[in-house]
Protein backbone atom coordinates (compact mmCIF):
# COMPACT_ATOMS: atom_id res chain seq x y z
CA UNK A 1 -6.99 1.66 -16.79
CA UNK A 2 -6.67 5.40 -16.45
CA UNK A 3 -3.09 6.37 -17.16
CA UNK A 4 -1.83 6.30 -20.72
CA UNK A 5 1.44 6.93 -22.46
CA UNK A 6 1.55 8.67 -25.84
CA UNK A 7 4.26 9.13 -28.42
CA UNK A 8 6.76 6.90 -26.61
CA UNK A 9 7.60 9.68 -24.16
CA UNK A 10 8.31 8.98 -20.47
CA UNK A 11 5.30 9.41 -18.25
CA UNK A 12 5.44 12.29 -15.77
CA UNK A 13 5.52 11.06 -12.19
CA UNK A 14 1.94 12.18 -11.57
CA UNK A 15 0.75 9.66 -14.18
CA UNK A 16 1.65 6.86 -11.77
CA UNK A 17 -1.17 4.52 -10.73
CA UNK A 18 -1.39 4.61 -6.92
CA UNK A 19 -3.16 1.66 -5.31
CA UNK A 20 -4.11 1.89 -1.65
CA UNK A 21 -4.72 -1.53 -0.12
CA UNK A 22 -7.17 -1.34 2.78
CA UNK A 23 -9.27 -3.43 5.13
CA UNK A 24 -12.57 -2.11 6.51
CA UNK A 25 -11.87 -0.44 9.89
CA UNK A 26 -14.50 -2.38 11.81
CA UNK A 27 -14.21 -4.04 15.23
CA UNK A 28 -12.84 -7.55 15.05
CA UNK A 29 -11.58 -7.15 11.48
CA UNK A 30 -9.11 -4.28 11.63
CA UNK A 31 -5.84 -4.16 13.57
CA UNK A 32 -6.49 -7.44 15.36
CA UNK A 33 -2.96 -7.58 16.77
CA UNK A 34 -3.71 -4.33 18.63
CA UNK A 35 -6.91 -5.62 20.25
CA UNK A 36 -5.09 -6.88 23.41
CA UNK A 37 -3.80 -3.33 23.99
CA UNK A 38 -6.72 -1.22 22.71
CA UNK A 39 -9.76 -3.49 22.63
CA UNK A 40 -11.64 -4.22 19.42
CA UNK A 41 -13.37 -0.82 19.35
CA UNK A 42 -10.15 1.07 20.04
CA UNK A 43 -8.23 -0.88 17.42
CA UNK A 44 -10.96 -0.21 14.86
CA UNK A 45 -11.01 3.51 15.70
CA UNK A 46 -7.26 3.69 15.19
CA UNK A 47 -7.56 1.81 11.90
CA UNK A 48 -10.21 4.26 10.75
CA UNK A 49 -7.97 7.25 11.53
CA UNK A 50 -5.03 5.68 9.70
CA UNK A 51 -7.23 4.86 6.69
CA UNK A 52 -8.64 8.38 6.44
CA UNK A 53 -5.18 9.92 6.86
CA UNK A 54 -3.72 7.75 4.10
CA UNK A 55 -6.61 8.48 1.73
CA UNK A 56 -6.14 12.23 2.33
CA UNK A 57 -2.41 11.95 1.60
CA UNK A 58 -3.08 9.90 -1.54
CA UNK A 59 -5.58 12.46 -2.84
CA UNK A 60 -3.24 15.37 -2.14
CA UNK A 61 -0.42 13.62 -4.02
CA UNK A 62 -2.28 14.40 -7.23
CA UNK A 63 -1.67 11.22 -9.19
CA UNK A 64 -3.80 10.65 -12.27
CA UNK A 65 -4.94 7.26 -10.97
CA UNK A 66 -5.93 6.55 -7.37
CA UNK A 67 -7.44 3.17 -6.65
CA UNK A 68 -8.75 1.91 -3.32
CA UNK A 69 -8.49 -1.88 -3.30
CA UNK A 70 -10.76 -2.90 -0.46
CA UNK A 71 -11.71 -5.91 1.62
CA UNK A 72 -14.54 -6.56 1.86
CA UNK A 73 -15.85 -4.91 -1.32
CA UNK A 74 -16.98 -1.28 -1.10
CA UNK A 75 -20.62 -2.37 -1.35
CA UNK A 76 -20.36 -4.31 1.91
CA UNK A 77 -22.13 -2.83 4.94
CA UNK A 78 -18.80 -2.67 6.80
CA UNK A 79 -17.97 0.42 4.70
CA UNK A 80 -21.32 2.16 5.17
CA UNK A 81 -20.05 4.59 7.82
CA UNK A 82 -16.98 5.57 5.78
CA UNK A 83 -17.31 8.32 3.18
CA UNK A 84 -15.27 6.99 0.27
CA UNK A 85 -14.16 9.71 -2.18
CA UNK A 86 -16.07 9.82 -5.45
CA UNK A 87 -13.04 10.60 -7.62
CA UNK A 88 -11.23 7.28 -7.06
CA UNK A 89 -11.46 3.78 -8.49
CA UNK A 90 -12.93 1.27 -6.03
CA UNK A 91 -11.96 -2.36 -6.45
CA UNK A 92 -12.46 -5.57 -4.50
CA UNK A 93 -9.32 -7.36 -3.28
CA UNK A 94 -11.07 -10.69 -3.74
CA UNK A 95 -10.14 -14.01 -2.19
CA UNK A 96 -6.77 -15.54 -1.30
CA UNK A 97 -3.82 -14.69 0.89
CA UNK A 98 -2.23 -11.24 0.90
CA UNK A 99 0.13 -12.13 -1.93
CA UNK A 100 -2.70 -13.36 -4.16
CA UNK A 101 -4.75 -10.25 -3.49
CA UNK A 102 -1.82 -7.88 -4.08
CA UNK A 103 -0.86 -9.72 -7.27
CA UNK A 104 -4.42 -9.39 -8.55
CA UNK A 105 -4.35 -5.63 -8.01
CA UNK A 106 -0.85 -5.18 -9.43
CA UNK A 107 -1.54 -7.32 -12.52
CA UNK A 108 -4.49 -5.19 -13.61
CA UNK A 109 -2.88 -1.84 -12.77
CA UNK A 110 -1.76 0.68 -15.32
CA UNK A 111 2.02 0.85 -15.06
CA UNK A 112 4.02 2.34 -13.47
CA UNK A 113 2.31 1.70 -10.16
CA UNK A 114 2.81 2.29 -6.46
CA UNK A 115 1.19 -0.01 -3.92
CA UNK A 116 0.74 1.14 -0.32
CA UNK A 117 -1.23 0.15 2.75
CA UNK A 118 -2.81 2.25 5.47
CA UNK A 119 -0.45 1.37 8.35
CA UNK A 120 2.54 3.62 7.76
CA UNK A 121 3.04 6.48 10.21
CA UNK A 122 5.30 8.46 7.85
CA UNK A 123 3.23 8.21 4.66
CA UNK A 124 3.17 11.70 3.14
CA UNK A 125 2.83 13.57 -0.14
CA UNK A 126 6.61 14.24 -0.42
CA UNK A 127 7.34 10.56 0.20
CA UNK A 128 4.91 9.45 -2.52
CA UNK A 129 6.37 11.97 -4.95
CA UNK A 130 9.90 10.80 -4.12
CA UNK A 131 8.89 7.19 -4.79
CA UNK A 132 7.21 8.10 -8.08
CA UNK A 133 10.27 10.06 -9.21
CA UNK A 134 12.51 7.10 -8.30
CA UNK A 135 10.29 4.80 -10.34
CA UNK A 136 11.05 6.91 -13.41
CA UNK A 137 14.67 5.72 -13.16
CA UNK A 138 14.30 2.22 -11.70
CA UNK A 139 12.23 -0.84 -12.49
CA UNK A 140 11.28 -1.34 -8.85
CA UNK A 141 11.07 0.82 -5.74
CA UNK A 142 10.68 -0.42 -2.18
CA UNK A 143 10.42 1.33 1.18
CA UNK A 144 11.10 -1.25 3.90
CA UNK A 145 9.38 -1.08 7.26
CA UNK A 146 11.07 -1.53 10.62
CA UNK A 147 9.20 -4.79 11.29
CA UNK A 148 10.77 -6.49 8.25
CA UNK A 149 7.94 -5.87 5.81
CA UNK A 150 7.54 -2.99 3.42
CA UNK A 151 5.33 0.10 3.42
CA UNK A 152 5.52 0.84 -0.31
CA UNK A 153 6.27 -1.17 -3.43
CA UNK A 154 6.63 0.47 -6.83
CA UNK A 155 6.85 -1.42 -10.12
CA UNK A 156 7.37 -0.53 -13.77
CA UNK A 157 6.24 -4.02 -14.72
CA UNK A 158 4.42 -6.93 -13.14
CA UNK A 159 6.01 -10.25 -12.21
CA UNK A 160 4.16 -12.92 -10.19
CA UNK A 161 7.28 -14.06 -8.31
CA UNK A 162 7.13 -10.91 -6.19
CA UNK A 163 3.88 -12.10 -4.64
CA UNK A 164 3.95 -15.91 -4.70
CA UNK A 165 5.26 -17.93 -1.76
CA UNK A 166 6.29 -14.93 0.34
CA UNK A 167 6.02 -15.48 4.10
CA UNK A 168 3.56 -12.66 4.67
CA UNK A 169 3.21 -10.97 8.08
CA UNK A 170 6.73 -12.03 9.07
CA UNK A 171 10.02 -10.18 9.47
CA UNK A 172 11.35 -11.68 6.22
CA UNK A 173 8.90 -10.09 3.75
CA UNK A 174 11.14 -7.24 2.59
CA UNK A 175 14.23 -9.47 2.40
CA UNK A 176 12.39 -12.10 0.35
CA UNK A 177 11.01 -9.44 -2.00
CA UNK A 178 14.42 -7.82 -2.45
CA UNK A 179 15.96 -11.19 -3.28
CA UNK A 180 13.32 -11.82 -5.92
CA UNK A 181 13.86 -8.38 -7.47
CA UNK A 182 17.61 -9.08 -7.62
CA UNK A 183 16.88 -12.46 -9.23
CA UNK A 184 14.89 -10.66 -11.91
CA UNK A 185 17.90 -8.34 -12.42
CA UNK A 186 15.70 -5.28 -12.17
CA UNK A 187 17.18 -1.91 -11.26
CA UNK A 188 16.10 -1.05 -7.74
CA UNK A 189 15.67 2.00 -5.53
CA UNK A 190 15.47 1.34 -1.77
CA UNK A 191 13.92 4.13 0.23
CA UNK A 192 14.38 4.85 3.92
CA UNK A 193 13.00 2.45 6.49
CA UNK A 194 9.52 3.45 7.63
CA UNK A 195 7.32 2.42 10.54
CA UNK A 196 4.03 0.55 10.42
CA UNK A 197 1.55 0.53 13.26
CA UNK A 198 0.60 -3.13 13.66
CA UNK A 199 1.72 -4.34 17.09
CA UNK A 200 1.31 -3.09 20.68
CA UNK A 201 5.04 -2.25 20.77
CA UNK A 202 4.46 0.20 17.88
CA UNK A 203 1.99 2.30 19.89
CA UNK A 204 4.52 4.47 21.80
CA UNK A 205 5.93 5.71 18.48
CA UNK A 206 2.43 6.57 17.28
CA UNK A 207 1.37 8.43 20.40
CA UNK A 208 4.69 10.31 20.51
CA UNK A 209 3.98 11.92 17.12
C-alpha cells in the first residue's frame, strides 16, 4: 500500500497504482509462441527488450506506486541477470492460472490501479497518463489488443468476476471482460486498440517500427 487519499478529495492521476505483470525473460519460459520463428534464445532476447522498455516507460510515467508482479519471484535465479529498479515494489505472482494471479495482484493493490503487461508495442508515457486520467472519471478502463485480449486494465475497485472463468490467451478475453464490466454496471472508458507481440504473425509490425 503506497498511495493514500486524504480529506475525501479525488486522487491526482499520478497517485494511481501501476502494476506491471511480467515473466522472467529466459529461454524456454518467455515468448514460447515465438520460439518457432526466433528460437528459444531469440524469443527470450526479445522478451528482455520488451520488459526493459516497459519498465522504463512505467518509471518515466511518474506514478506514486509502481509494482513489478513477477513470475517466478524476484529472488529466483532466472532474474539474476536483470537489473530490477530499486524504487519499485517487487511482488510474486504466485500460483494459479493468469486470472488467479492477476486477481491476487489487483485485490491487494491500492486503488485506483492500472494493470499492464510487457507485450504491448505502443505502451508509452502519454498512453499511461491518458488511461490514468480516464480512470478519474470512470470505474473501469480497458485498452483492447488486436488479438482479442487487452493491453491495459484500469479499475477503481476490485471485483473477482473480472478474473474468474475468463478464457485466457484466446481472442475472446476482451469481449468477456467487457461483458462482465457491463454486468456490474460500471462506467467504462475504452481506449484505442493496441498491438501485443505474442505470435510470429506479429513480428512484421514489430520490426517495421
